[in-house]
């Protein structure tokens, strides 16, 4: 379909703003910004008393470009299926505001820019993790969506890597602190995406996506998985305290917000309705950024690594 982004208005300034808005929708900007938050938290939590804010800026900008590229490629590949769903049919590609070729060029430019920025201005480890994230998203997660319900787990793996990018940007190595942040992100995505899949299971099924709520026994598994994941998040979120990465104030907040998230998930498990799924989904949207912000505000710069604690004592 021909590119119609510049035909919405005769005003050049308004047309440019309209094109930027289309690009924001193409790359799922709000979701990409959440990815940036986790990468930035990884940087800050891995830092010592003095945070290199310029390094944080390059890391989050490069990660943002890579996340935006992955989302744009996903929309290019799924244009036909997105057109079948009420939730996604107004996106730029299925609505015909941008052509698939246009979307592909934007995605490639963002991917090259993000990986190059990380490689030249951060380090090769961070750039390699960003490239790995992009490849898993495009070559594994996207093709699995119409084929297997395992796509949710693969997507959770993808979403757990950005905090590792932030961590290695500072330390140039992976250790227990970074892995803990990644585990929190992995586990959080399960109730987040499972509740979303429940809300739109009819639309996903119509578009040919293989989501867990649509298979035999899947509805029970979704409710159970959402609750179990929320329960497991509570002790996992407290591990950063035992590793002396965050302090007591964070621990108190993590317990309170964790119990609230468990309660919302338990209501979904009990009622198994779209409204309950919606409340659990929005609870997940609040839970993660609030937890990460609390972690940052109560961080301990002189964090003792578990690796050091577990080193054998010389005889």
Protein backbone atom coordinates (compact mmCIF):
# COMPACT_ATOMS: atom_id res chain seq x y z
CA UNK A 1 0.00 0.00 0.00
CA UNK A 2 1.36 3.42 -0.87
CA UNK A 3 2.82 5.52 1.88
CA UNK A 4 0.17 8.07 2.91
CA UNK A 5 1.81 9.56 6.00
CA UNK A 6 2.42 12.91 4.30
CA UNK A 7 -1.08 13.29 2.87
CA UNK A 8 -2.90 13.90 6.15
CA UNK A 9 -2.40 17.65 6.03
CA UNK A 10 -1.16 20.43 3.81
CA UNK A 11 0.86 22.00 6.61
CA UNK A 12 4.49 20.90 6.57
CA UNK A 13 4.89 21.35 10.33
CA UNK A 14 1.73 19.43 11.11
CA UNK A 15 2.70 16.71 8.63
CA UNK A 16 6.09 16.31 10.31
CA UNK A 17 4.45 16.03 13.71
CA UNK A 18 2.02 13.49 12.27
CA UNK A 19 4.88 11.43 10.86
CA UNK A 20 6.67 11.45 14.21
CA UNK A 21 3.45 10.27 15.85
CA UNK A 22 3.25 7.42 13.35
CA UNK A 23 6.84 6.48 14.08
CA UNK A 24 6.08 6.48 17.81
CA UNK A 25 3.24 4.02 17.18
CA UNK A 26 5.39 1.95 14.83
CA UNK A 27 8.10 1.40 17.46
CA UNK A 28 5.63 1.11 20.38
CA UNK A 29 7.35 4.03 22.08
CA UNK A 30 5.72 3.60 25.50
CA UNK A 31 6.75 -0.06 25.66
CA UNK A 32 10.24 0.85 24.45
CA UNK A 33 10.54 3.46 27.20
CA UNK A 34 9.81 0.78 29.80
CA UNK A 35 12.71 -1.21 28.33
CA UNK A 36 14.88 1.90 28.68
CA UNK A 37 13.87 2.19 32.34
CA UNK A 38 15.11 -1.33 33.06
CA UNK A 39 18.40 -0.73 31.23
CA UNK A 40 18.91 2.51 33.13
CA UNK A 41 18.21 0.77 36.44
CA UNK A 42 20.79 -1.85 35.52
CA UNK A 43 23.37 0.92 34.97
CA UNK A 44 22.59 2.71 38.21
CA UNK A 45 22.47 -0.42 40.40
CA UNK A 46 25.81 -1.61 38.98
CA UNK A 47 27.49 1.75 39.63
CA UNK A 48 29.59 2.75 42.59
CA UNK A 49 29.15 5.97 44.59
CA UNK A 50 29.75 8.09 41.47
CA UNK A 51 27.33 7.40 38.62
CA UNK A 52 28.60 8.10 35.12
CA UNK A 53 25.45 9.76 33.80
CA UNK A 54 26.89 10.16 30.30
CA UNK A 55 27.41 6.39 30.15
CA UNK A 56 23.83 5.91 31.38
CA UNK A 57 22.62 8.24 28.61
CA UNK A 58 24.45 6.35 25.85
CA UNK A 59 23.32 3.01 27.23
CA UNK A 60 19.63 3.86 27.47
CA UNK A 61 19.64 5.65 24.09
CA UNK A 62 21.27 2.72 22.33
CA UNK A 63 18.98 0.25 24.07
CA UNK A 64 15.95 2.38 23.17
CA UNK A 65 16.94 2.35 19.49
CA UNK A 66 17.34 -1.45 19.50
CA UNK A 67 14.04 -2.01 21.31
CA UNK A 68 12.29 0.34 18.89
CA UNK A 69 13.82 -1.53 15.94
CA UNK A 70 12.59 -4.89 17.26
CA UNK A 71 9.06 -3.56 17.73
CA UNK A 72 9.03 -2.04 14.24
CA UNK A 73 10.22 -5.29 12.62
CA UNK A 74 7.55 -7.17 14.56
CA UNK A 75 4.87 -4.85 13.17
CA UNK A 76 6.20 -5.24 9.63
CA UNK A 77 6.04 -9.03 9.89
CA UNK A 78 2.61 -9.04 11.56
CA UNK A 79 0.90 -6.39 9.42
CA UNK A 80 -1.69 -8.80 8.04
CA UNK A 81 -2.50 -10.30 11.45
CA UNK A 82 -2.63 -6.88 13.13
CA UNK A 83 -5.28 -5.85 10.59
CA UNK A 84 -7.54 -8.63 11.93
CA UNK A 85 -7.51 -7.40 15.53
CA UNK A 86 -9.50 -4.45 16.86
CA UNK A 87 -6.68 -3.71 19.29
CA UNK A 88 -4.04 -3.35 16.58
CA UNK A 89 -5.79 -2.53 13.30
CA UNK A 90 -5.21 1.22 13.75
CA UNK A 91 -1.44 0.80 13.91
CA UNK A 92 0.41 2.65 11.12
CA UNK A 93 1.04 -0.37 8.87
CA UNK A 94 -2.34 -2.18 8.90
CA UNK A 95 -4.12 1.19 8.73
CA UNK A 96 -2.09 2.07 5.61
CA UNK A 97 -0.49 5.22 7.04
CA UNK A 98 2.98 3.74 6.43
CA UNK A 99 4.04 1.09 3.95
CA UNK A 100 5.83 -2.10 5.12
CA UNK A 101 8.91 -0.99 3.17
CA UNK A 102 8.89 2.32 5.04
CA UNK A 103 8.59 0.51 8.36
CA UNK A 104 11.41 -1.86 7.44
CA UNK A 105 13.79 1.00 6.56
CA UNK A 106 13.02 2.78 9.84
CA UNK A 107 13.61 -0.46 11.78
CA UNK A 108 16.97 -1.12 10.08
CA UNK A 109 18.20 2.42 10.68
CA UNK A 110 17.28 2.19 14.36
CA UNK A 111 18.90 -1.23 14.75
CA UNK A 112 22.19 -0.14 13.18
CA UNK A 113 22.20 3.13 15.12
CA UNK A 114 21.51 1.44 18.47
CA UNK A 115 24.08 -1.33 18.14
CA UNK A 116 26.73 1.04 16.77
CA UNK A 117 26.15 3.49 19.61
CA UNK A 118 26.49 0.77 22.22
CA UNK A 119 29.59 -0.70 20.58
CA UNK A 120 31.43 2.62 20.18
CA UNK A 121 30.27 4.60 23.21
CA UNK A 122 29.56 1.88 25.82
CA UNK A 123 31.27 -1.49 25.25
CA UNK A 124 31.10 -4.53 22.99
CA UNK A 125 29.49 -6.68 25.71
CA UNK A 126 26.49 -4.36 25.91
CA UNK A 127 26.27 -4.17 22.10
CA UNK A 128 26.39 -7.97 21.87
CA UNK A 129 23.56 -8.38 24.36
CA UNK A 130 21.48 -5.81 22.46
CA UNK A 131 22.09 -7.68 19.21
CA UNK A 132 21.18 -10.97 20.90
CA UNK A 133 17.93 -9.43 22.16
CA UNK A 134 17.06 -8.19 18.70
CA UNK A 135 17.79 -11.55 17.07
CA UNK A 136 15.77 -13.56 19.61
CA UNK A 137 12.84 -11.17 19.25
CA UNK A 138 12.84 -11.27 15.47
CA UNK A 139 13.95 -14.85 14.75
CA UNK A 140 12.34 -16.72 17.68
CA UNK A 141 9.60 -14.77 19.45
CA UNK A 142 7.87 -13.31 16.39
CA UNK A 143 7.75 -16.59 14.37
CA UNK A 144 6.56 -18.52 17.44
CA UNK A 145 3.51 -16.34 18.08
CA UNK A 146 1.30 -18.08 15.47
CA UNK A 147 2.84 -21.51 16.17
CA UNK A 148 3.29 -22.16 19.88
CA UNK A 149 2.14 -20.88 23.25
CA UNK A 150 5.81 -21.00 24.26
CA UNK A 151 6.12 -17.59 22.63
CA UNK A 152 5.27 -16.02 25.99
CA UNK A 153 8.30 -17.64 27.66
CA UNK A 154 10.58 -16.65 24.79
CA UNK A 155 9.25 -13.11 24.97
CA UNK A 156 9.98 -13.07 28.70
CA UNK A 157 13.59 -14.05 27.98
CA UNK A 158 13.87 -11.14 25.55
CA UNK A 159 12.47 -8.73 28.11
CA UNK A 160 14.89 -9.89 30.80
CA UNK A 161 18.02 -8.90 28.85
CA UNK A 162 17.83 -5.04 28.92
CA UNK A 163 18.79 -4.75 32.63
CA UNK A 164 21.77 -6.97 31.82
CA UNK A 165 22.75 -4.50 29.09
CA UNK A 166 22.76 -1.75 31.70
CA UNK A 167 24.70 -3.87 34.16
CA UNK A 168 27.50 -4.85 31.76
CA UNK A 169 27.66 -1.28 30.46
CA UNK A 170 29.12 -0.34 33.85
CA UNK A 171 30.93 -3.49 34.95
CA UNK A 172 31.71 -5.16 31.61
CA UNK A 173 30.83 -8.49 33.20
CA UNK A 174 27.81 -10.42 34.43
CA UNK A 175 27.45 -11.25 38.11
CA UNK A 176 24.74 -12.09 40.61
CA UNK A 177 23.32 -8.56 40.83
CA UNK A 178 22.67 -8.36 37.10
CA UNK A 179 21.22 -11.87 36.95
CA UNK A 180 18.84 -11.01 39.81
CA UNK A 181 17.51 -7.97 37.95
CA UNK A 182 17.06 -10.10 34.83
CA UNK A 183 15.19 -12.75 36.83
CA UNK A 184 12.81 -10.13 38.23
CA UNK A 185 12.09 -8.88 34.70
CA UNK A 186 11.59 -12.42 33.39
CA UNK A 187 9.15 -13.39 36.11
CA UNK A 188 7.24 -10.08 35.97
CA UNK A 189 6.49 -10.51 32.27
CA UNK A 190 4.55 -13.74 32.84
CA UNK A 191 1.59 -12.23 34.75
CA UNK A 192 1.85 -9.10 32.60
CA UNK A 193 1.49 -10.88 29.26
CA UNK A 194 -0.74 -13.72 30.47
CA UNK A 195 -3.36 -11.29 31.75
CA UNK A 196 -3.12 -9.33 28.49
CA UNK A 197 -3.56 -12.53 26.48
CA UNK A 198 -6.68 -13.32 28.52
CA UNK A 199 -8.16 -9.87 27.86
CA UNK A 200 -7.77 -10.20 24.09
CA UNK A 201 -7.85 -13.97 23.65
CA UNK A 202 -10.69 -13.83 21.11
CA UNK A 203 -8.83 -11.32 18.96
CA UNK A 204 -5.56 -13.25 19.20
CA UNK A 205 -7.37 -16.41 18.15
CA UNK A 206 -9.04 -14.66 15.22
CA UNK A 207 -5.66 -13.37 14.00
CA UNK A 208 -4.12 -16.82 14.24
CA UNK A 209 -1.85 -16.26 17.25
CA UNK A 210 -1.27 -19.25 19.55
CA UNK A 211 -1.85 -17.80 23.00
CA UNK A 212 -2.26 -19.87 26.16
CA UNK A 213 -5.87 -18.85 27.00
CA UNK A 214 -7.07 -20.25 23.66
CA UNK A 215 -5.81 -23.82 24.09
CA UNK A 216 -7.48 -26.62 26.06
CA UNK A 217 -6.96 -26.03 29.78
CA UNK A 218 -5.26 -22.74 28.98
CA UNK A 219 -7.65 -20.48 30.86
CA UNK A 220 -6.91 -22.22 34.15
CA UNK A 221 -3.18 -22.24 33.37
CA UNK A 222 -3.22 -18.49 32.71
CA UNK A 223 -4.92 -17.65 36.01
CA UNK A 224 -2.70 -20.07 37.92
CA UNK A 225 0.46 -18.85 36.20
CA UNK A 226 -0.38 -15.23 36.90
CA UNK A 227 -0.87 -15.90 40.61
CA UNK A 228 2.18 -18.16 41.02
CA UNK A 229 4.42 -15.67 39.21
CA UNK A 230 3.21 -12.80 41.40
CA UNK A 231 3.86 -14.88 44.53
CA UNK A 232 7.37 -15.82 43.39
CA UNK A 233 8.18 -12.21 42.57
CA UNK A 234 7.97 -11.23 46.24
CA UNK A 235 10.94 -13.27 47.55
CA UNK A 236 12.85 -12.71 44.31
CA UNK A 237 12.52 -8.94 44.63
CA UNK A 238 14.01 -9.17 48.14
CA UNK A 239 17.18 -10.92 46.93
CA UNK A 240 18.75 -7.56 46.08
CA UNK A 241 18.56 -6.73 49.79
CA UNK A 242 20.35 -9.94 50.82
CA UNK A 243 23.05 -9.12 48.24
CA UNK A 244 23.35 -5.62 49.75
CA UNK A 245 22.37 -3.92 46.51
CA UNK A 246 19.37 -2.15 48.10
CA UNK A 247 18.40 -1.38 51.70
CA UNK A 248 15.64 -1.79 54.25
CA UNK A 249 13.37 0.97 52.92
CA UNK A 250 13.29 -0.78 49.56
CA UNK A 251 12.56 -4.10 51.27
CA UNK A 252 9.52 -2.68 53.09
CA UNK A 253 8.20 -1.15 49.87
CA UNK A 254 8.85 -4.34 47.89
CA UNK A 255 6.87 -6.37 50.41
CA UNK A 256 3.91 -3.96 50.39
CA UNK A 257 3.67 -3.59 46.63
CA UNK A 258 4.36 -7.30 46.18
CA UNK A 259 1.44 -8.22 48.44
CA UNK A 260 -0.78 -5.79 46.53
CA UNK A 261 0.20 -7.40 43.23
CA UNK A 262 -0.45 -10.86 44.67
CA UNK A 263 -3.91 -9.74 45.81
CA UNK A 264 -4.79 -8.43 42.32
CA UNK A 265 -3.54 -11.68 40.79
CA UNK A 266 -5.50 -13.74 43.33
CA UNK A 267 -8.67 -11.86 42.38
CA UNK A 268 -8.01 -12.77 38.76
CA UNK A 269 -7.48 -16.42 39.75
CA UNK A 270 -10.71 -16.41 41.75
CA UNK A 271 -13.06 -14.59 39.35
CA UNK A 272 -11.50 -15.46 35.96
CA UNK A 273 -13.18 -12.59 34.15
CA UNK A 274 -11.99 -9.98 31.68
CA UNK A 275 -12.40 -7.24 34.28
CA UNK A 276 -10.25 -9.16 36.77
CA UNK A 277 -7.65 -9.79 34.07
CA UNK A 278 -7.65 -6.08 33.24
CA UNK A 279 -7.06 -5.16 36.87
CA UNK A 280 -4.20 -7.65 37.13
CA UNK A 281 -2.69 -6.29 33.91
CA UNK A 282 -2.77 -2.67 35.07
CA UNK A 283 -1.41 -3.76 38.45
CA UNK A 284 1.58 -5.22 36.61
CA UNK A 285 2.06 -1.93 34.75
CA UNK A 286 2.31 -0.10 38.08
CA UNK A 287 4.28 -2.76 39.93
CA UNK A 288 7.44 -2.87 37.84
CA UNK A 289 8.32 0.85 37.49
CA UNK A 290 7.48 1.52 41.14
CA UNK A 291 9.61 -1.41 42.30
CA UNK A 292 12.56 -0.34 40.16
CA UNK A 293 12.32 3.29 41.24
CA UNK A 294 12.27 2.22 44.89
CA UNK A 295 15.33 0.08 44.23
CA UNK A 296 17.19 3.02 42.69
CA UNK A 297 16.27 5.45 45.47
CA UNK A 298 17.42 3.02 48.17
CA UNK A 299 20.43 1.53 46.39
CA UNK A 300 23.66 0.74 48.21
CA UNK A 301 26.56 1.87 45.99
CA UNK A 302 29.13 -0.18 47.91
CA UNK A 303 27.25 -3.39 47.15
CA UNK A 304 28.88 -6.62 48.26
CA UNK A 305 28.70 -9.24 45.54
CA UNK A 306 27.49 -12.72 46.41
CA UNK A 307 30.41 -14.01 44.39
CA UNK A 308 32.73 -12.45 46.95
CA UNK A 309 30.69 -13.75 49.88
CA UNK A 310 30.84 -17.29 48.51
CA UNK A 311 34.59 -17.27 47.87
CA UNK A 312 36.25 -20.03 49.93
CA UNK A 313 38.29 -18.88 52.88
CA UNK A 314 41.97 -19.71 52.49
CA UNK A 315 43.20 -22.22 55.09
